[in-house]
Each structure stands twice: as C-alpha cells, then as structure tokens.
Amino acid sequence: MEEMILHVSGGVAPVLFCVLVGFGLAAVLVHLFGCEGRAGGVFILECTMPVSVAACLWIEMHDPKGAPAVASFILICTLLSVAVLPLALTFRI
C-alpha cells in the first residue's frame, strides 16, 4: 500500500498543468466576458479549486485498480491549490 501513495503517472507535472490551465482559462474567460470585481474573482477562484473527491468515488466504483492513482492526483492537486489560490486571489479580487 505504501508504494501507491502519491503515485501519479508523469509525476507532479500533470497536476500542476491541470491547476494552471484552470487558472489561465478562467482569467481569459473573465477578460473576454468583461467580468469585473468580485464576480471575476469568484469565477477565477472556482476554476482554480482542486479536483473533486467525487471523481475518486466514481473511479472506485467503476475501476478499483485506478482509485489509488486518482486519490493521489486529488491530494497533490489540493496541496498545490494551497499555493495557487492565494496568488489567484491577489490577481483578481
């Protein structure tokens, strides 16, 4: 069980890519739609939030072998969000 903890194929790069794409896409959409103030900040915040635990539960039901990798992805994504969310908040709100 220990070897499955924090095992995401490709390392941390895919998780970081996922978080940064969420932030970048949100920033572009906020600019395109002309959202200002708190509305734009809330949209960026929501798009930068980590992956849902519901994904892990769904995978556990349909593909139990992949559940540890998904759980690791969620954990790493949540830890990266601790660093990325303050940057996102200072960027827009």
C-alpha atoms as a PDB file:
ATOM      1  CA  MET A   1       0.000   0.000   0.000  1.00  0.00           C
ATOM      2  CA  GLU A   2       2.883   2.408   0.728  1.00  0.00           C
ATOM      3  CA  GLU A   3       4.119   2.342  -2.874  1.00  0.00           C
ATOM      4  CA  MET A   4       0.730   3.589  -4.120  1.00  0.00           C
ATOM      5  CA  ILE A   5       0.771   6.796  -2.069  1.00  0.00           C
ATOM      6  CA  LEU A   6       1.475   9.883  -4.189  1.00  0.00           C
ATOM      7  CA  HIS A   7       1.880   7.850  -7.355  1.00  0.00           C
ATOM      8  CA  VAL A   8       0.644   9.816 -10.326  1.00  0.00           C
ATOM      9  CA  SER A   9       1.939   8.767 -13.724  1.00  0.00           C
ATOM     10  CA  GLY A  10       4.106  11.556 -15.067  1.00  0.00           C
ATOM     11  CA  GLY A  11       4.838  12.987 -11.616  1.00  0.00           C
ATOM     12  CA  VAL A  12       3.523  16.287 -10.324  1.00  0.00           C
ATOM     13  CA  ALA A  13       3.660  17.963 -13.758  1.00  0.00           C
ATOM     14  CA  PRO A  14       0.180  16.823 -14.931  1.00  0.00           C
ATOM     15  CA  VAL A  15      -1.379  18.034 -11.685  1.00  0.00           C
ATOM     16  CA  LEU A  16       0.379  21.399 -11.875  1.00  0.00           C
ATOM     17  CA  PHE A  17      -0.680  21.663 -15.511  1.00  0.00           C
ATOM     18  CA  CYS A  18      -4.312  20.994 -14.530  1.00  0.00           C
ATOM     19  CA  VAL A  19      -4.311  23.692 -11.829  1.00  0.00           C
ATOM     20  CA  LEU A  20      -2.562  26.275 -14.023  1.00  0.00           C
ATOM     21  CA  VAL A  21      -4.827  25.595 -17.005  1.00  0.00           C
ATOM     22  CA  GLY A  22      -7.874  26.123 -14.778  1.00  0.00           C
ATOM     23  CA  PHE A  23      -6.482  29.450 -13.620  1.00  0.00           C
ATOM     24  CA  GLY A  24      -5.377  30.549 -17.086  1.00  0.00           C
ATOM     25  CA  LEU A  25      -8.627  29.603 -18.770  1.00  0.00           C
ATOM     26  CA  ALA A  26     -10.620  31.389 -16.078  1.00  0.00           C
ATOM     27  CA  ALA A  27      -8.519  34.549 -16.451  1.00  0.00           C
ATOM     28  CA  VAL A  28      -9.051  34.546 -20.227  1.00  0.00           C
ATOM     29  CA  LEU A  29     -12.812  33.980 -19.900  1.00  0.00           C
ATOM     30  CA  VAL A  30     -13.140  36.722 -17.286  1.00  0.00           C
ATOM     31  CA  HIS A  31     -11.394  39.114 -19.654  1.00  0.00           C
ATOM     32  CA  LEU A  32     -13.459  38.036 -22.682  1.00  0.00           C
ATOM     33  CA  PHE A  33     -16.789  38.347 -20.881  1.00  0.00           C
ATOM     34  CA  GLY A  34     -15.811  41.568 -19.142  1.00  0.00           C
ATOM     35  CA  CYS A  35     -16.429  40.365 -15.600  1.00  0.00           C
ATOM     36  CA  GLU A  36     -15.253  42.879 -13.046  1.00  0.00           C
ATOM     37  CA  GLY A  37     -14.609  42.938  -9.316  1.00  0.00           C
ATOM     38  CA  ARG A  38     -15.903  40.134  -7.176  1.00  0.00           C
ATOM     39  CA  ALA A  39     -17.737  38.326  -9.985  1.00  0.00           C
ATOM     40  CA  GLY A  40     -14.490  37.850 -11.908  1.00  0.00           C
ATOM     41  CA  GLY A  41     -12.609  36.909  -8.754  1.00  0.00           C
ATOM     42  CA  VAL A  42     -15.183  34.323  -7.773  1.00  0.00           C
ATOM     43  CA  PHE A  43     -15.106  32.795 -11.256  1.00  0.00           C
ATOM     44  CA  ILE A  44     -11.307  32.529 -11.160  1.00  0.00           C
ATOM     45  CA  LEU A  45     -11.467  31.077  -7.657  1.00  0.00           C
ATOM     46  CA  GLU A  46     -13.992  28.426  -8.680  1.00  0.00           C
ATOM     47  CA  CYS A  47     -11.976  27.391 -11.731  1.00  0.00           C
ATOM     48  CA  THR A  48      -8.793  27.119  -9.666  1.00  0.00           C
ATOM     49  CA  MET A  49     -10.301  24.882  -6.973  1.00  0.00           C
ATOM     50  CA  PRO A  50      -8.878  21.350  -6.682  1.00  0.00           C
ATOM     51  CA  VAL A  51     -10.357  18.229  -8.232  1.00  0.00           C
ATOM     52  CA  SER A  52     -13.455  16.840  -6.540  1.00  0.00           C
ATOM     53  CA  VAL A  53     -13.355  13.797  -4.294  1.00  0.00           C
ATOM     54  CA  ALA A  54     -16.458  12.615  -6.164  1.00  0.00           C
ATOM     55  CA  ALA A  55     -14.121  11.638  -9.014  1.00  0.00           C
ATOM     56  CA  CYS A  56     -12.307   9.234  -6.690  1.00  0.00           C
ATOM     57  CA  LEU A  57     -15.575   7.691  -5.515  1.00  0.00           C
ATOM     58  CA  TRP A  58     -16.746   7.233  -9.102  1.00  0.00           C
ATOM     59  CA  ILE A  59     -13.447   5.629 -10.133  1.00  0.00           C
ATOM     60  CA  GLU A  60     -13.533   3.361  -7.083  1.00  0.00           C
ATOM     61  CA  MET A  61     -16.900   2.012  -8.205  1.00  0.00           C
ATOM     62  CA  HIS A  62     -16.006   1.518 -11.886  1.00  0.00           C
ATOM     63  CA  ASP A  63     -12.258   0.821 -11.882  1.00  0.00           C
ATOM     64  CA  PRO A  64     -10.958  -0.075  -8.395  1.00  0.00           C
ATOM     65  CA  LYS A  65      -7.379  -0.504  -9.664  1.00  0.00           C
ATOM     66  CA  GLY A  66      -7.210   3.173 -10.659  1.00  0.00           C
ATOM     67  CA  ALA A  67      -8.560   4.534  -7.365  1.00  0.00           C
ATOM     68  CA  PRO A  68      -5.170   4.990  -5.636  1.00  0.00           C
ATOM     69  CA  ALA A  69      -3.797   6.998  -8.578  1.00  0.00           C
ATOM     70  CA  VAL A  70      -6.900   9.224  -8.625  1.00  0.00           C
ATOM     71  CA  ALA A  71      -6.683   9.707  -4.859  1.00  0.00           C
ATOM     72  CA  SER A  72      -3.041  10.745  -5.243  1.00  0.00           C
ATOM     73  CA  PHE A  73      -3.988  13.171  -8.014  1.00  0.00           C
ATOM     74  CA  ILE A  74      -6.628  14.733  -5.742  1.00  0.00           C
ATOM     75  CA  LEU A  75      -4.178  15.005  -2.833  1.00  0.00           C
ATOM     76  CA  ILE A  76      -1.447  16.644  -4.905  1.00  0.00           C
ATOM     77  CA  CYS A  77      -3.952  18.956  -6.588  1.00  0.00           C
ATOM     78  CA  THR A  78      -5.305  20.049  -3.206  1.00  0.00           C
ATOM     79  CA  LEU A  79      -1.807  20.710  -1.848  1.00  0.00           C
ATOM     80  CA  LEU A  80      -0.902  22.747  -4.946  1.00  0.00           C
ATOM     81  CA  SER A  81      -4.108  24.732  -4.552  1.00  0.00           C
ATOM     82  CA  VAL A  82      -2.886  25.905  -1.165  1.00  0.00           C
ATOM     83  CA  ALA A  83      -0.098  27.710  -3.018  1.00  0.00           C
ATOM     84  CA  VAL A  84      -2.012  28.732  -6.150  1.00  0.00           C
ATOM     85  CA  LEU A  85      -5.258  30.050  -4.611  1.00  0.00           C
ATOM     86  CA  PRO A  86      -3.650  32.983  -2.749  1.00  0.00           C
ATOM     87  CA  LEU A  87      -1.950  34.011  -5.997  1.00  0.00           C
ATOM     88  CA  ALA A  88      -5.268  33.776  -7.834  1.00  0.00           C
ATOM     89  CA  LEU A  89      -6.998  35.866  -5.191  1.00  0.00           C
ATOM     90  CA  THR A  90      -4.386  38.638  -5.309  1.00  0.00           C
ATOM     91  CA  PHE A  91      -4.535  38.582  -9.105  1.00  0.00           C
ATOM     92  CA  ARG A  92      -8.225  39.407  -9.384  1.00  0.00           C
ATOM     93  CA  ILE A  93     -10.010  40.382  -6.161  1.00  0.00           C
END
